[in-house]
N, C-alpha and C. Protein backbone atom coordinates (compact mmCIF):
# COMPACT_ATOMS: atom_id res chain seq x y z
N GLN A 1 9.09 147.19 91.81
CA GLN A 1 10.20 146.86 90.94
C GLN A 1 10.58 145.38 91.04
N ARG A 2 10.33 144.78 92.22
CA ARG A 2 10.66 143.37 92.38
C ARG A 2 9.88 142.51 91.39
N LYS A 3 8.65 142.88 91.10
CA LYS A 3 7.81 142.11 90.20
C LYS A 3 8.01 142.51 88.73
N ASN A 4 8.73 143.58 88.48
CA ASN A 4 8.96 144.07 87.13
C ASN A 4 9.98 143.17 86.43
N PRO A 5 9.58 142.46 85.37
CA PRO A 5 10.51 141.54 84.69
C PRO A 5 11.65 142.27 83.97
N PHE A 6 11.53 143.57 83.78
CA PHE A 6 12.56 144.33 83.07
C PHE A 6 13.54 145.00 84.04
N SER A 7 13.30 144.86 85.33
CA SER A 7 14.20 145.45 86.32
C SER A 7 15.36 144.50 86.56
N ASN A 8 16.56 145.05 86.55
CA ASN A 8 17.73 144.23 86.82
C ASN A 8 18.49 144.76 88.03
N ASP A 9 17.78 145.36 88.95
CA ASP A 9 18.41 145.91 90.15
C ASP A 9 18.63 144.78 91.15
N ASP A 10 19.88 144.37 91.35
CA ASP A 10 20.21 143.25 92.23
C ASP A 10 19.91 143.55 93.70
N ARG A 11 19.87 144.82 94.08
CA ARG A 11 19.58 145.16 95.48
C ARG A 11 18.17 144.72 95.87
N LEU A 12 17.26 144.74 94.95
CA LEU A 12 15.88 144.35 95.24
C LEU A 12 15.76 142.85 95.47
N ALA A 13 16.59 142.08 94.84
CA ALA A 13 16.50 140.62 94.96
C ALA A 13 16.89 140.14 96.35
N SER A 14 17.73 140.90 97.06
CA SER A 14 18.18 140.45 98.38
C SER A 14 17.23 140.86 99.49
N LYS A 15 16.29 141.74 99.21
CA LYS A 15 15.36 142.19 100.23
C LYS A 15 14.29 141.12 100.46
N PRO A 16 13.90 140.91 101.72
CA PRO A 16 12.88 139.90 101.98
C PRO A 16 11.51 140.34 101.49
N VAL A 17 10.70 139.39 101.16
CA VAL A 17 9.32 139.66 100.78
C VAL A 17 8.55 139.96 102.06
N HIS A 18 7.65 140.92 101.99
CA HIS A 18 6.87 141.28 103.18
C HIS A 18 6.01 140.09 103.63
N THR A 19 5.94 139.92 104.94
CA THR A 19 5.13 138.84 105.49
C THR A 19 3.74 139.36 105.83
N HIS A 20 2.83 138.45 106.05
CA HIS A 20 1.46 138.81 106.37
C HIS A 20 1.08 138.19 107.71
N ARG A 21 0.03 138.72 108.30
CA ARG A 21 -0.44 138.18 109.58
C ARG A 21 -0.64 136.69 109.47
N GLY A 22 -0.26 136.01 110.55
CA GLY A 22 -0.38 134.57 110.55
C GLY A 22 0.93 133.87 110.21
N ASP A 23 1.81 134.56 109.47
CA ASP A 23 3.12 133.98 109.16
C ASP A 23 3.96 133.94 110.44
N SER A 24 4.81 132.94 110.56
CA SER A 24 5.62 132.81 111.78
C SER A 24 6.65 133.94 111.90
N THR A 25 7.00 134.59 110.80
CA THR A 25 7.99 135.67 110.85
C THR A 25 7.36 137.05 110.90
N TYR A 26 6.03 137.12 110.92
CA TYR A 26 5.33 138.41 110.93
C TYR A 26 5.65 139.17 112.20
N GLY A 27 6.05 140.43 112.07
CA GLY A 27 6.33 141.28 113.22
C GLY A 27 7.65 140.97 113.90
N ARG A 28 8.50 140.22 113.27
CA ARG A 28 9.80 139.85 113.84
C ARG A 28 10.90 140.38 112.94
N PRO A 29 12.04 140.73 113.52
CA PRO A 29 13.15 141.20 112.69
C PRO A 29 13.73 140.06 111.86
N ARG A 30 14.39 140.42 110.78
CA ARG A 30 15.00 139.43 109.91
C ARG A 30 16.03 138.62 110.69
N GLU A 31 16.03 137.32 110.49
CA GLU A 31 16.94 136.42 111.20
C GLU A 31 18.38 136.79 110.87
N GLY A 32 19.21 136.91 111.92
CA GLY A 32 20.62 137.23 111.74
C GLY A 32 20.90 138.72 111.66
N SER A 33 19.86 139.56 111.72
CA SER A 33 20.05 141.00 111.60
C SER A 33 20.51 141.61 112.93
N GLN A 34 21.01 142.83 112.86
CA GLN A 34 21.42 143.53 114.08
C GLN A 34 20.21 143.81 114.96
N THR A 35 19.08 144.07 114.35
CA THR A 35 17.85 144.31 115.12
C THR A 35 17.49 143.08 115.94
N GLU A 36 17.60 141.91 115.34
CA GLU A 36 17.30 140.68 116.08
C GLU A 36 18.28 140.52 117.25
N GLN A 37 19.55 140.82 117.02
CA GLN A 37 20.55 140.69 118.08
C GLN A 37 20.29 141.67 119.21
N ARG A 38 19.92 142.92 118.87
CA ARG A 38 19.61 143.91 119.91
C ARG A 38 18.43 143.45 120.75
N GLY A 39 17.42 142.86 120.12
CA GLY A 39 16.26 142.33 120.85
C GLY A 39 16.65 141.23 121.80
N LYS A 40 17.52 140.32 121.34
CA LYS A 40 17.98 139.22 122.20
C LYS A 40 18.78 139.76 123.37
N ASP A 41 19.64 140.76 123.11
CA ASP A 41 20.44 141.35 124.18
C ASP A 41 19.55 142.03 125.22
N ALA A 42 18.54 142.76 124.76
CA ALA A 42 17.62 143.44 125.67
C ALA A 42 16.85 142.42 126.52
N HIS A 43 16.39 141.35 125.89
CA HIS A 43 15.66 140.31 126.61
C HIS A 43 16.54 139.68 127.69
N SER A 44 17.79 139.45 127.37
CA SER A 44 18.73 138.87 128.32
C SER A 44 18.98 139.82 129.48
N HIS A 45 19.13 141.12 129.17
CA HIS A 45 19.38 142.12 130.21
C HIS A 45 18.20 142.22 131.18
N VAL A 46 16.99 142.24 130.65
CA VAL A 46 15.80 142.31 131.50
C VAL A 46 15.69 141.05 132.35
N GLY A 47 16.02 139.91 131.79
CA GLY A 47 16.00 138.65 132.54
C GLY A 47 16.94 138.70 133.73
N LYS A 48 18.11 139.28 133.54
CA LYS A 48 19.07 139.41 134.64
C LYS A 48 18.54 140.36 135.71
N GLU A 49 17.87 141.44 135.29
CA GLU A 49 17.30 142.37 136.27
C GLU A 49 16.18 141.70 137.07
N VAL A 50 15.38 140.86 136.43
CA VAL A 50 14.32 140.14 137.13
C VAL A 50 14.94 139.19 138.17
N GLU A 51 16.00 138.49 137.78
CA GLU A 51 16.70 137.61 138.73
C GLU A 51 17.24 138.39 139.91
N GLU A 52 17.81 139.56 139.64
CA GLU A 52 18.36 140.39 140.72
C GLU A 52 17.25 140.86 141.65
N LEU A 53 16.11 141.26 141.08
CA LEU A 53 14.97 141.68 141.89
C LEU A 53 14.51 140.56 142.80
N CYS A 54 14.41 139.33 142.27
CA CYS A 54 13.98 138.20 143.08
C CYS A 54 14.97 137.92 144.21
N SER A 55 16.26 138.07 143.95
CA SER A 55 17.25 137.83 145.01
C SER A 55 17.17 138.92 146.07
N ILE A 56 16.84 140.14 145.69
CA ILE A 56 16.68 141.22 146.68
C ILE A 56 15.45 140.95 147.54
N ILE A 57 14.36 140.49 146.92
CA ILE A 57 13.16 140.15 147.69
C ILE A 57 13.49 139.03 148.67
N ARG A 58 14.24 138.04 148.22
CA ARG A 58 14.63 136.92 149.08
C ARG A 58 15.47 137.40 150.27
N ARG A 59 16.38 138.36 150.01
CA ARG A 59 17.26 138.87 151.07
C ARG A 59 16.55 139.78 152.06
N THR A 60 15.68 140.68 151.55
CA THR A 60 15.08 141.69 152.42
C THR A 60 13.73 141.28 152.99
N GLY A 61 13.08 140.30 152.37
CA GLY A 61 11.75 139.91 152.81
C GLY A 61 11.77 138.95 153.99
N GLU A 62 10.58 138.62 154.43
CA GLU A 62 10.41 137.69 155.55
C GLU A 62 9.60 136.49 155.07
N VAL A 63 9.96 135.32 155.58
CA VAL A 63 9.25 134.10 155.22
C VAL A 63 7.94 134.05 155.98
N GLY A 64 6.84 133.87 155.24
CA GLY A 64 5.53 133.80 155.87
C GLY A 64 5.17 132.38 156.26
N GLU A 65 3.97 132.21 156.82
CA GLU A 65 3.51 130.90 157.25
C GLU A 65 3.39 129.92 156.08
N ASP A 66 3.12 130.47 154.89
CA ASP A 66 2.98 129.61 153.71
C ASP A 66 4.32 129.23 153.10
N GLY A 67 5.41 129.74 153.66
CA GLY A 67 6.75 129.42 153.16
C GLY A 67 7.26 130.35 152.09
N HIS A 68 6.42 131.28 151.63
CA HIS A 68 6.82 132.24 150.62
C HIS A 68 7.44 133.48 151.27
N VAL A 69 8.40 134.06 150.61
CA VAL A 69 9.04 135.28 151.10
C VAL A 69 8.23 136.48 150.61
N SER A 70 7.94 137.41 151.53
CA SER A 70 7.16 138.60 151.18
C SER A 70 7.86 139.85 151.68
N VAL A 71 7.61 140.95 150.97
CA VAL A 71 8.17 142.24 151.32
C VAL A 71 7.16 143.30 150.90
N THR A 72 7.13 144.44 151.58
CA THR A 72 6.24 145.50 151.16
C THR A 72 6.87 146.25 149.99
N PHE A 73 6.02 146.87 149.19
CA PHE A 73 6.53 147.62 148.04
C PHE A 73 7.40 148.77 148.51
N GLY A 74 7.03 149.43 149.58
CA GLY A 74 7.82 150.55 150.10
C GLY A 74 9.23 150.12 150.46
N GLN A 75 9.33 149.01 151.17
CA GLN A 75 10.65 148.49 151.57
C GLN A 75 11.46 148.08 150.34
N LEU A 76 10.81 147.40 149.41
CA LEU A 76 11.51 146.98 148.19
C LEU A 76 11.94 148.18 147.37
N PHE A 77 11.08 149.18 147.27
CA PHE A 77 11.41 150.37 146.49
C PHE A 77 12.63 151.06 147.06
N GLU A 78 12.68 151.23 148.37
CA GLU A 78 13.82 151.90 149.00
C GLU A 78 15.11 151.12 148.78
N THR A 79 15.04 149.80 148.82
CA THR A 79 16.23 148.97 148.63
C THR A 79 16.65 148.95 147.17
N TYR A 80 15.70 148.75 146.28
CA TYR A 80 16.01 148.51 144.87
C TYR A 80 16.29 149.78 144.09
N VAL A 81 15.74 150.91 144.52
CA VAL A 81 15.88 152.15 143.75
C VAL A 81 17.34 152.60 143.67
N THR A 82 18.16 152.19 144.64
CA THR A 82 19.58 152.54 144.56
C THR A 82 20.28 151.72 143.47
N ILE A 83 19.70 150.60 143.07
CA ILE A 83 20.27 149.75 142.03
C ILE A 83 19.70 150.13 140.67
N SER A 84 18.40 150.30 140.60
CA SER A 84 17.75 150.59 139.32
C SER A 84 16.50 151.42 139.56
N ASN A 85 16.24 152.37 138.67
CA ASN A 85 15.05 153.20 138.80
C ASN A 85 13.86 152.58 138.07
N LYS A 86 13.98 151.34 137.61
CA LYS A 86 12.93 150.68 136.84
C LYS A 86 12.24 149.59 137.68
N VAL A 87 12.17 149.76 138.97
CA VAL A 87 11.66 148.71 139.85
C VAL A 87 10.24 148.28 139.49
N VAL A 88 9.36 149.21 139.16
CA VAL A 88 7.97 148.86 138.86
C VAL A 88 7.90 148.06 137.56
N GLY A 89 8.62 148.47 136.55
CA GLY A 89 8.62 147.74 135.28
C GLY A 89 9.17 146.33 135.43
N ILE A 90 10.21 146.20 136.23
CA ILE A 90 10.80 144.88 136.45
C ILE A 90 9.84 144.02 137.27
N LEU A 91 9.14 144.62 138.23
CA LEU A 91 8.13 143.88 139.00
C LEU A 91 7.01 143.37 138.09
N LEU A 92 6.57 144.20 137.16
CA LEU A 92 5.51 143.79 136.24
C LEU A 92 5.99 142.63 135.36
N ARG A 93 7.23 142.70 134.91
CA ARG A 93 7.79 141.60 134.09
C ARG A 93 7.89 140.33 134.92
N ALA A 94 8.34 140.45 136.17
CA ALA A 94 8.45 139.27 137.04
C ALA A 94 7.08 138.65 137.28
N ARG A 95 6.04 139.49 137.45
CA ARG A 95 4.70 138.96 137.65
C ARG A 95 4.20 138.27 136.38
N LYS A 96 4.51 138.84 135.23
CA LYS A 96 4.10 138.23 133.96
C LYS A 96 4.68 136.83 133.81
N HIS A 97 5.88 136.62 134.33
CA HIS A 97 6.53 135.31 134.25
C HIS A 97 6.21 134.41 135.44
N GLY A 98 5.31 134.87 136.33
CA GLY A 98 4.86 134.04 137.43
C GLY A 98 5.86 133.91 138.58
N LEU A 99 6.75 134.90 138.71
CA LEU A 99 7.77 134.84 139.77
C LEU A 99 7.35 135.56 141.03
N VAL A 100 6.50 136.58 140.91
CA VAL A 100 6.02 137.33 142.07
C VAL A 100 4.52 137.54 141.94
N HIS A 101 3.90 137.88 143.07
CA HIS A 101 2.47 138.20 143.09
C HIS A 101 2.26 139.45 143.92
N PHE A 102 1.40 140.34 143.43
CA PHE A 102 0.95 141.49 144.21
C PHE A 102 -0.40 141.92 143.66
N GLU A 103 -1.16 142.60 144.49
CA GLU A 103 -2.50 143.06 144.11
C GLU A 103 -2.39 144.37 143.32
N GLY A 104 -3.29 144.54 142.38
CA GLY A 104 -3.36 145.77 141.60
C GLY A 104 -2.65 145.65 140.26
N GLU A 105 -2.98 146.60 139.39
CA GLU A 105 -2.38 146.63 138.06
C GLU A 105 -1.01 147.28 138.09
N MET A 106 -0.88 148.38 138.84
CA MET A 106 0.33 149.18 138.85
C MET A 106 0.63 149.57 140.30
N LEU A 107 1.89 149.75 140.61
CA LEU A 107 2.27 150.19 141.95
C LEU A 107 2.86 151.59 141.87
N TRP A 108 2.43 152.44 142.82
CA TRP A 108 2.89 153.83 142.85
C TRP A 108 3.62 154.08 144.17
N GLN A 109 4.76 154.76 144.07
CA GLN A 109 5.52 155.09 145.28
C GLN A 109 4.68 155.99 146.16
N GLY A 110 4.69 155.71 147.45
CA GLY A 110 3.92 156.48 148.42
C GLY A 110 2.53 155.91 148.60
N LYS A 111 1.76 155.83 147.54
CA LYS A 111 0.38 155.35 147.61
C LYS A 111 0.32 153.85 147.91
N ASP A 112 1.21 153.06 147.32
CA ASP A 112 1.15 151.61 147.43
C ASP A 112 2.30 151.03 148.27
N ASP A 113 2.86 151.83 149.17
CA ASP A 113 4.00 151.36 149.97
C ASP A 113 3.68 150.15 150.84
N ASP A 114 2.40 149.97 151.19
CA ASP A 114 2.03 148.85 152.08
C ASP A 114 1.58 147.59 151.32
N VAL A 115 1.60 147.64 149.99
CA VAL A 115 1.21 146.47 149.19
C VAL A 115 2.27 145.39 149.37
N ILE A 116 1.78 144.17 149.64
CA ILE A 116 2.67 143.03 149.86
C ILE A 116 3.06 142.41 148.52
N ILE A 117 4.35 142.22 148.32
CA ILE A 117 4.87 141.53 147.14
C ILE A 117 5.39 140.18 147.61
N THR A 118 4.87 139.11 147.03
CA THR A 118 5.23 137.77 147.44
C THR A 118 6.06 137.10 146.35
N LEU A 119 7.17 136.53 146.74
CA LEU A 119 8.03 135.79 145.82
C LEU A 119 7.48 134.38 145.68
N LEU A 120 7.14 134.00 144.47
CA LEU A 120 6.59 132.67 144.23
C LEU A 120 7.71 131.76 143.85
């Protein structure tokens, strides 16, 4: 209907044109929309959780010879699980941003309790 020259529906004129791959707005919510705001709020919330996780590692871990603070996953899990049940997801996000290092793709409670998590 947007391309129909005989259509006079004003609601169609306000809708954005679909974007295509390669466009800077492709796969992103409309600027100023509630969806965009919810995404920004979620990003901010996760950022705060990552900061809190790093401060817990700093408090509970031990400084190694290299000067980095390290803690085992088991110890971190026991400390952090009382604050948030998303410890593994937050650890993965922190590693993605280069804040922590640990071996393996995923950490599992019980199985990976001895894995060392290092605060970078």
